[in-house]
Amino acid sequence: MGVSYISSRKKKFEDSEKKRRINFGKKVQEMRRKAGYSRNEFCNIINISYDALIRIELGQVDPNTPHLEEKIKKGLTKSYMVITI
């Protein structure tokens, strides 16, 4: 028996979703590095766990997770002032 049309379409959709998650994760990692943040620093800035950031960068998290992309963008555009006394 061959693969049904529906199974074939479902597999293509799953593959494209996987690619989208992986591309998003790579982009997050690239932008974090360009901003000069370690993973620990970035986790503190955007208030997520280290494990969550690892899953994002490995493409295991759906970028459509509510507020995820917005939170990451804000974290990458924040500027912090260091005040010394």
PDB file of N, CA and C in Angstrom:
ATOM      1  N   MET A   1       0.833  -1.185   0.000  1.00  0.00           N
ATOM      2  CA  MET A   1       0.000   0.000   0.000  1.00  0.00           C
ATOM      3  C   MET A   1       0.876   1.245   0.000  1.00  0.00           C
ATOM      4  N   GLY A   2       0.474   2.232  -0.738  1.00  0.00           N
ATOM      5  CA  GLY A   2       1.206   3.488  -0.807  1.00  0.00           C
ATOM      6  C   GLY A   2       0.744   4.455   0.275  1.00  0.00           C
ATOM      7  N   VAL A   3       1.455   5.503   0.373  1.00  0.00           N
ATOM      8  CA  VAL A   3       1.121   6.547   1.323  1.00  0.00           C
ATOM      9  C   VAL A   3      -0.064   7.338   0.769  1.00  0.00           C
ATOM     10  N   SER A   4      -1.048   7.581   1.610  1.00  0.00           N
ATOM     11  CA  SER A   4      -2.220   8.316   1.145  1.00  0.00           C
ATOM     12  C   SER A   4      -1.875   9.776   0.907  1.00  0.00           C
ATOM     13  N   TYR A   5      -2.701  10.434   0.134  1.00  0.00           N
ATOM     14  CA  TYR A   5      -2.525  11.844  -0.178  1.00  0.00           C
ATOM     15  C   TYR A   5      -2.552  12.679   1.102  1.00  0.00           C
ATOM     16  N   ILE A   6      -3.469  12.356   2.002  1.00  0.00           N
ATOM     17  CA  ILE A   6      -3.595  13.099   3.258  1.00  0.00           C
ATOM     18  C   ILE A   6      -2.350  12.916   4.114  1.00  0.00           C
ATOM     19  N   SER A   7      -1.845  11.701   4.199  1.00  0.00           N
ATOM     20  CA  SER A   7      -0.618  11.449   4.966  1.00  0.00           C
ATOM     21  C   SER A   7       0.554  12.214   4.386  1.00  0.00           C
ATOM     22  N   SER A   8       0.627  12.249   3.086  1.00  0.00           N
ATOM     23  CA  SER A   8       1.711  12.955   2.409  1.00  0.00           C
ATOM     24  C   SER A   8       1.641  14.457   2.700  1.00  0.00           C
ATOM     25  N   ARG A   9       0.445  15.028   2.625  1.00  0.00           N
ATOM     26  CA  ARG A   9       0.266  16.466   2.910  1.00  0.00           C
ATOM     27  C   ARG A   9       0.581  16.779   4.365  1.00  0.00           C
ATOM     28  N   LYS A  10       0.177  15.883   5.261  1.00  0.00           N
ATOM     29  CA  LYS A  10       0.436  16.087   6.689  1.00  0.00           C
ATOM     30  C   LYS A  10       1.944  16.083   6.952  1.00  0.00           C
ATOM     31  N   LYS A  11       2.661  15.166   6.329  1.00  0.00           N
ATOM     32  CA  LYS A  11       4.115  15.085   6.508  1.00  0.00           C
ATOM     33  C   LYS A  11       4.789  16.352   5.987  1.00  0.00           C
ATOM     34  N   LYS A  12       4.361  16.856   4.832  1.00  0.00           N
ATOM     35  CA  LYS A  12       4.936  18.083   4.278  1.00  0.00           C
ATOM     36  C   LYS A  12       4.690  19.258   5.213  1.00  0.00           C
ATOM     37  N   PHE A  13       3.486  19.331   5.779  1.00  0.00           N
ATOM     38  CA  PHE A  13       3.166  20.401   6.716  1.00  0.00           C
ATOM     39  C   PHE A  13       4.047  20.298   7.957  1.00  0.00           C
ATOM     40  N   GLU A  14       4.187  19.093   8.509  1.00  0.00           N
ATOM     41  CA  GLU A  14       5.022  18.895   9.698  1.00  0.00           C
ATOM     42  C   GLU A  14       6.479  19.256   9.403  1.00  0.00           C
ATOM     43  N   ASP A  15       6.961  18.886   8.238  1.00  0.00           N
ATOM     44  CA  ASP A  15       8.337  19.217   7.852  1.00  0.00           C
ATOM     45  C   ASP A  15       8.530  20.732   7.734  1.00  0.00           C
ATOM     46  N   SER A  16       7.550  21.410   7.144  1.00  0.00           N
ATOM     47  CA  SER A  16       7.685  22.864   6.993  1.00  0.00           C
ATOM     48  C   SER A  16       7.607  23.553   8.356  1.00  0.00           C
ATOM     49  N   GLU A  17       6.776  23.053   9.258  1.00  0.00           N
ATOM     50  CA  GLU A  17       6.697  23.614  10.608  1.00  0.00           C
ATOM     51  C   GLU A  17       8.005  23.402  11.359  1.00  0.00           C
ATOM     52  N   LYS A  18       8.594  22.235  11.188  1.00  0.00           N
ATOM     53  CA  LYS A  18       9.871  21.944  11.839  1.00  0.00           C
ATOM     54  C   LYS A  18      10.956  22.892  11.322  1.00  0.00           C
ATOM     55  N   LYS A  19      10.992  23.104  10.031  1.00  0.00           N
ATOM     56  CA  LYS A  19      11.976  24.024   9.433  1.00  0.00           C
ATOM     57  C   LYS A  19      11.769  25.437   9.960  1.00  0.00           C
ATOM     58  N   ARG A  20      10.508  25.844  10.081  1.00  0.00           N
ATOM     59  CA  ARG A  20      10.199  27.187  10.578  1.00  0.00           C
ATOM     60  C   ARG A  20      10.676  27.365  12.009  1.00  0.00           C
ATOM     61  N   ARG A  21      10.462  26.347  12.871  1.00  0.00           N
ATOM     62  CA  ARG A  21      10.923  26.405  14.261  1.00  0.00           C
ATOM     63  C   ARG A  21      12.450  26.458  14.323  1.00  0.00           C
ATOM     64  N   ILE A  22      13.101  25.646  13.507  1.00  0.00           N
ATOM     65  CA  ILE A  22      14.569  25.614  13.492  1.00  0.00           C
ATOM     66  C   ILE A  22      15.128  26.952  13.017  1.00  0.00           C
ATOM     67  N   ASN A  23      14.545  27.515  11.962  1.00  0.00           N
ATOM     68  CA  ASN A  23      15.009  28.812  11.462  1.00  0.00           C
ATOM     69  C   ASN A  23      14.806  29.906  12.503  1.00  0.00           C
ATOM     70  N   PHE A  24      13.681  29.879  13.197  1.00  0.00           N
ATOM     71  CA  PHE A  24      13.420  30.852  14.245  1.00  0.00           C
ATOM     72  C   PHE A  24      14.464  30.725  15.354  1.00  0.00           C
ATOM     73  N   GLY A  25      14.741  29.501  15.770  1.00  0.00           N
ATOM     74  CA  GLY A  25      15.732  29.261  16.826  1.00  0.00           C
ATOM     75  C   GLY A  25      17.118  29.742  16.436  1.00  0.00           C
ATOM     76  N   LYS A  26      17.510  29.479  15.191  1.00  0.00           N
ATOM     77  CA  LYS A  26      18.816  29.939  14.717  1.00  0.00           C
ATOM     78  C   LYS A  26      18.883  31.459  14.709  1.00  0.00           C
ATOM     79  N   LYS A  27      17.786  32.101  14.307  1.00  0.00           N
ATOM     80  CA  LYS A  27      17.750  33.564  14.255  1.00  0.00           C
ATOM     81  C   LYS A  27      17.851  34.147  15.670  1.00  0.00           C
ATOM     82  N   VAL A  28      17.153  33.544  16.625  1.00  0.00           N
ATOM     83  CA  VAL A  28      17.228  34.013  18.011  1.00  0.00           C
ATOM     84  C   VAL A  28      18.658  33.900  18.518  1.00  0.00           C
ATOM     85  N   GLN A  29      19.278  32.754  18.272  1.00  0.00           N
ATOM     86  CA  GLN A  29      20.651  32.544  18.732  1.00  0.00           C
ATOM     87  C   GLN A  29      21.603  33.554  18.081  1.00  0.00           C
ATOM     88  N   GLU A  30      21.455  33.757  16.790  1.00  0.00           N
ATOM     89  CA  GLU A  30      22.313  34.690  16.067  1.00  0.00           C
ATOM     90  C   GLU A  30      22.147  36.124  16.604  1.00  0.00           C
ATOM     91  N   MET A  31      20.918  36.543  16.808  1.00  0.00           N
ATOM     92  CA  MET A  31      20.668  37.896  17.300  1.00  0.00           C
ATOM     93  C   MET A  31      21.146  38.072  18.742  1.00  0.00           C
ATOM     94  N   ARG A  32      20.968  37.041  19.554  1.00  0.00           N
ATOM     95  CA  ARG A  32      21.447  37.088  20.948  1.00  0.00           C
ATOM     96  C   ARG A  32      22.954  37.257  20.977  1.00  0.00           C
ATOM     97  N   ARG A  33      23.633  36.490  20.145  1.00  0.00           N
ATOM     98  CA  ARG A  33      25.097  36.585  20.088  1.00  0.00           C
ATOM     99  C   ARG A  33      25.560  37.945  19.575  1.00  0.00           C
ATOM    100  N   LYS A  34      24.890  38.455  18.544  1.00  0.00           N
ATOM    101  CA  LYS A  34      25.249  39.779  18.012  1.00  0.00           C
ATOM    102  C   LYS A  34      25.053  40.859  19.067  1.00  0.00           C
ATOM    103  N   ALA A  35      24.046  40.684  19.914  1.00  0.00           N
ATOM    104  CA  ALA A  35      23.791  41.652  20.984  1.00  0.00           C
ATOM    105  C   ALA A  35      24.804  41.504  22.116  1.00  0.00           C
ATOM    106  N   GLY A  36      25.578  40.408  22.082  1.00  0.00           N
ATOM    107  CA  GLY A  36      26.626  40.202  23.081  1.00  0.00           C
ATOM    108  C   GLY A  36      26.155  39.575  24.382  1.00  0.00           C
ATOM    109  N   TYR A  37      24.997  38.906  24.348  1.00  0.00           N
ATOM    110  CA  TYR A  37      24.464  38.278  25.549  1.00  0.00           C
ATOM    111  C   TYR A  37      24.825  36.802  25.620  1.00  0.00           C
ATOM    112  N   SER A  38      25.212  36.356  26.797  1.00  0.00           N
ATOM    113  CA  SER A  38      25.343  34.918  27.022  1.00  0.00           C
ATOM    114  C   SER A  38      23.922  34.376  27.182  1.00  0.00           C
ATOM    115  N   ARG A  39      23.785  33.078  27.169  1.00  0.00           N
ATOM    116  CA  ARG A  39      22.451  32.506  27.380  1.00  0.00           C
ATOM    117  C   ARG A  39      21.905  32.891  28.748  1.00  0.00           C
ATOM    118  N   ASN A  40      22.748  32.821  29.782  1.00  0.00           N
ATOM    119  CA  ASN A  40      22.286  33.172  31.127  1.00  0.00           C
ATOM    120  C   ASN A  40      21.818  34.616  31.196  1.00  0.00           C
ATOM    121  N   GLU A  41      22.599  35.526  30.617  1.00  0.00           N
ATOM    122  CA  GLU A  41      22.216  36.935  30.627  1.00  0.00           C
ATOM    123  C   GLU A  41      20.881  37.149  29.917  1.00  0.00           C
ATOM    124  N   PHE A  42      20.743  36.532  28.757  1.00  0.00           N
ATOM    125  CA  PHE A  42      19.521  36.717  27.977  1.00  0.00           C
ATOM    126  C   PHE A  42      18.308  36.132  28.689  1.00  0.00           C
ATOM    127  N   CYS A  43      18.489  34.999  29.342  1.00  0.00           N
ATOM    128  CA  CYS A  43      17.392  34.399  30.116  1.00  0.00           C
ATOM    129  C   CYS A  43      16.923  35.359  31.199  1.00  0.00           C
ATOM    130  N   ASN A  44      17.860  36.000  31.872  1.00  0.00           N
ATOM    131  CA  ASN A  44      17.504  36.962  32.914  1.00  0.00           C
ATOM    132  C   ASN A  44      16.790  38.179  32.328  1.00  0.00           C
ATOM    133  N   ILE A  45      17.226  38.629  31.183  1.00  0.00           N
ATOM    134  CA  ILE A  45      16.630  39.810  30.553  1.00  0.00           C
ATOM    135  C   ILE A  45      15.185  39.550  30.144  1.00  0.00           C
ATOM    136  N   ILE A  46      14.932  38.400  29.517  1.00  0.00           N
ATOM    137  CA  ILE A  46      13.571  38.138  29.034  1.00  0.00           C
ATOM    138  C   ILE A  46      12.754  37.273  29.992  1.00  0.00           C
ATOM    139  N   ASN A  47      13.357  36.940  31.132  1.00  0.00           N
ATOM    140  CA  ASN A  47      12.651  36.235  32.196  1.00  0.00           C
ATOM    141  C   ASN A  47      12.100  34.870  31.760  1.00  0.00           C
ATOM    142  N   ILE A  48      12.991  34.049  31.214  1.00  0.00           N
ATOM    143  CA  ILE A  48      12.645  32.659  30.922  1.00  0.00           C
ATOM    144  C   ILE A  48      13.743  31.768  31.489  1.00  0.00           C
ATOM    145  N   SER A  49      13.471  30.487  31.581  1.00  0.00           N
ATOM    146  CA  SER A  49      14.474  29.567  32.111  1.00  0.00           C
ATOM    147  C   SER A  49      15.546  29.279  31.060  1.00  0.00           C
ATOM    148  N   TYR A  50      16.687  28.851  31.543  1.00  0.00           N
ATOM    149  CA  TYR A  50      17.795  28.484  30.666  1.00  0.00           C
ATOM    150  C   TYR A  50      17.361  27.347  29.741  1.00  0.00           C
ATOM    151  N   ASP A  51      16.657  26.363  30.291  1.00  0.00           N
ATOM    152  CA  ASP A  51      16.190  25.226  29.492  1.00  0.00           C
ATOM    153  C   ASP A  51      15.234  25.672  28.388  1.00  0.00           C
ATOM    154  N   ALA A  52      14.388  26.658  28.693  1.00  0.00           N
ATOM    155  CA  ALA A  52      13.458  27.165  27.673  1.00  0.00           C
ATOM    156  C   ALA A  52      14.226  27.814  26.526  1.00  0.00           C
ATOM    157  N   LEU A  53      15.260  28.588  26.843  1.00  0.00           N
ATOM    158  CA  LEU A  53      16.058  29.218  25.793  1.00  0.00           C
ATOM    159  C   LEU A  53      16.766  28.172  24.938  1.00  0.00           C
ATOM    160  N   ILE A  54      17.276  27.141  25.567  1.00  0.00           N
ATOM    161  CA  ILE A  54      17.918  26.051  24.813  1.00  0.00           C
ATOM    162  C   ILE A  54      16.913  25.443  23.836  1.00  0.00           C
ATOM    163  N   ARG A  55      15.700  25.155  24.307  1.00  0.00           N
ATOM    164  CA  ARG A  55      14.672  24.564  23.437  1.00  0.00           C
ATOM    165  C   ARG A  55      14.304  25.509  22.292  1.00  0.00           C
ATOM    166  N   ILE A  56      14.251  26.807  22.573  1.00  0.00           N
ATOM    167  CA  ILE A  56      13.951  27.782  21.519  1.00  0.00           C
ATOM    168  C   ILE A  56      15.052  27.758  20.471  1.00  0.00           C
ATOM    169  N   GLU A  57      16.303  27.848  20.921  1.00  0.00           N
ATOM    170  CA  GLU A  57      17.426  27.906  19.978  1.00  0.00           C
ATOM    171  C   GLU A  57      17.612  26.609  19.197  1.00  0.00           C
ATOM    172  N   LEU A  58      17.165  25.496  19.736  1.00  0.00           N
ATOM    173  CA  LEU A  58      17.259  24.218  19.023  1.00  0.00           C
ATOM    174  C   LEU A  58      16.066  23.984  18.099  1.00  0.00           C
ATOM    175  N   GLY A  59      15.108  24.904  18.106  1.00  0.00           N
ATOM    176  CA  GLY A  59      13.949  24.760  17.226  1.00  0.00           C
ATOM    177  C   GLY A  59      12.897  23.819  17.749  1.00  0.00           C
ATOM    178  N   GLN A  60      12.831  23.644  19.046  1.00  0.00           N
ATOM    179  CA  GLN A  60      11.855  22.735  19.631  1.00  0.00           C
ATOM    180  C   GLN A  60      10.610  23.455  20.146  1.00  0.00           C
ATOM    181  N   VAL A  61      10.586  24.787  20.007  1.00  0.00           N
ATOM    182  CA  VAL A  61       9.466  25.582  20.498  1.00  0.00           C
ATOM    183  C   VAL A  61       8.813  26.305  19.330  1.00  0.00           C
ATOM    184  N   ASP A  62       7.496  26.282  19.294  1.00  0.00           N
ATOM    185  CA  ASP A  62       6.756  26.968  18.243  1.00  0.00           C
ATOM    186  C   ASP A  62       6.875  28.473  18.443  1.00  0.00           C
ATOM    187  N   PRO A  63       7.367  29.197  17.438  1.00  0.00           N
ATOM    188  CA  PRO A  63       7.507  30.650  17.575  1.00  0.00           C
ATOM    189  C   PRO A  63       6.176  31.360  17.765  1.00  0.00           C
ATOM    190  N   ASN A  64       5.073  30.679  17.491  1.00  0.00           N
ATOM    191  CA  ASN A  64       3.754  31.280  17.687  1.00  0.00           C
ATOM    192  C   ASN A  64       3.270  31.173  19.122  1.00  0.00           C
ATOM    193  N   THR A  65       4.101  30.640  19.999  1.00  0.00           N
ATOM    194  CA  THR A  65       3.760  30.607  21.413  1.00  0.00           C
ATOM    195  C   THR A  65       3.432  32.035  21.833  1.00  0.00           C
ATOM    196  N   PRO A  66       2.313  32.231  22.528  1.00  0.00           N
ATOM    197  CA  PRO A  66       1.892  33.602  22.850  1.00  0.00           C
ATOM    198  C   PRO A  66       3.003  34.455  23.458  1.00  0.00           C
ATOM    199  N   HIS A  67       3.222  35.596  22.851  1.00  0.00           N
ATOM    200  CA  HIS A  67       4.144  36.631  23.316  1.00  0.00           C
ATOM    201  C   HIS A  67       5.625  36.259  23.240  1.00  0.00           C
ATOM    202  N   LEU A  68       5.961  35.084  22.745  1.00  0.00           N
ATOM    203  CA  LEU A  68       7.371  34.669  22.715  1.00  0.00           C
ATOM    204  C   LEU A  68       8.197  35.591  21.826  1.00  0.00           C
ATOM    205  N   GLU A  69       7.759  35.780  20.596  1.00  0.00           N
ATOM    206  CA  GLU A  69       8.535  36.602  19.669  1.00  0.00           C
ATOM    207  C   GLU A  69       8.635  38.045  20.182  1.00  0.00           C
ATOM    208  N   GLU A  70       7.550  38.554  20.720  1.00  0.00           N
ATOM    209  CA  GLU A  70       7.541  39.914  21.267  1.00  0.00           C
ATOM    210  C   GLU A  70       8.518  40.048  22.438  1.00  0.00           C
ATOM    211  N   LYS A  71       8.524  39.063  23.312  1.00  0.00           N
ATOM    212  CA  LYS A  71       9.415  39.066  24.470  1.00  0.00           C
ATOM    213  C   LYS A  71      10.884  39.050  24.037  1.00  0.00           C
ATOM    214  N   ILE A  72      11.186  38.235  23.043  1.00  0.00           N
ATOM    215  CA  ILE A  72      12.559  38.135  22.541  1.00  0.00           C
ATOM    216  C   ILE A  72      12.984  39.446  21.885  1.00  0.00           C
ATOM    217  N   LYS A  73      12.102  40.027  21.070  1.00  0.00           N
ATOM    218  CA  LYS A  73      12.415  41.302  20.422  1.00  0.00           C
ATOM    219  C   LYS A  73      12.694  42.384  21.456  1.00  0.00           C
ATOM    220  N   LYS A  74      11.863  42.455  22.478  1.00  0.00           N
ATOM    221  CA  LYS A  74      12.071  43.461  23.523  1.00  0.00           C
ATOM    222  C   LYS A  74      13.400  43.232  24.228  1.00  0.00           C
ATOM    223  N   GLY A  75      13.729  41.984  24.502  1.00  0.00           N
ATOM    224  CA  GLY A  75      14.985  41.668  25.166  1.00  0.00           C
ATOM    225  C   GLY A  75      16.199  42.053  24.347  1.00  0.00           C
ATOM    226  N   LEU A  76      16.072  41.955  23.039  1.00  0.00           N
ATOM    227  CA  LEU A  76      17.194  42.281  22.164  1.00  0.00           C
ATOM    228  C   LEU A  76      17.313  43.775  21.902  1.00  0.00           C
ATOM    229  N   THR A  77      16.270  44.532  22.170  1.00  0.00           N
ATOM    230  CA  THR A  77      16.328  45.967  21.905  1.00  0.00           C
ATOM    231  C   THR A  77      16.475  46.800  23.169  1.00  0.00           C
ATOM    232  N   LYS A  78      16.443  46.159  24.327  1.00  0.00           N
ATOM    233  CA  LYS A  78      16.604  46.898  25.581  1.00  0.00           C
ATOM    234  C   LYS A  78      18.045  47.381  25.719  1.00  0.00           C
ATOM    235  N   SER A  79      18.171  48.537  26.255  1.00  0.00           N
ATOM    236  CA  SER A  79      19.517  49.002  26.602  1.00  0.00           C
ATOM    237  C   SER A  79      19.546  49.187  28.105  1.00  0.00           C
ATOM    238  N   TYR A  80      20.602  48.780  28.682  1.00  0.00           N
ATOM    239  CA  TYR A  80      20.746  48.851  30.131  1.00  0.00           C
ATOM    240  C   TYR A  80      21.853  49.826  30.487  1.00  0.00           C
ATOM    241  N   MET A  81      21.576  50.639  31.466  1.00  0.00           N
ATOM    242  CA  MET A  81      22.582  51.569  31.940  1.00  0.00           C
ATOM    243  C   MET A  81      23.219  51.003  33.200  1.00  0.00           C
ATOM    244  N   VAL A  82      24.497  51.110  33.263  1.00  0.00           N
ATOM    245  CA  VAL A  82      25.208  50.686  34.466  1.00  0.00           C
ATOM    246  C   VAL A  82      25.525  51.945  35.240  1.00  0.00           C
ATOM    247  N   ILE A  83      25.027  52.015  36.450  1.00  0.00           N
ATOM    248  CA  ILE A  83      25.269  53.197  37.278  1.00  0.00           C
ATOM    249  C   ILE A  83      26.248  52.802  38.370  1.00  0.00           C
ATOM    250  N   THR A  84      27.347  53.531  38.413  1.00  0.00           N
ATOM    251  CA  THR A  84      28.330  53.269  39.466  1.00  0.00           C
ATOM    252  C   THR A  84      28.331  54.440  40.432  1.00  0.00           C
ATOM    253  N   ILE A  85      28.484  54.114  41.663  1.00  0.00           N
ATOM    254  CA  ILE A  85      28.491  55.159  42.701  1.00  0.00           C
ATOM    255  C   ILE A  85      29.876  55.222  43.336  1.00  0.00           C
TER     256      ILE A  85
END
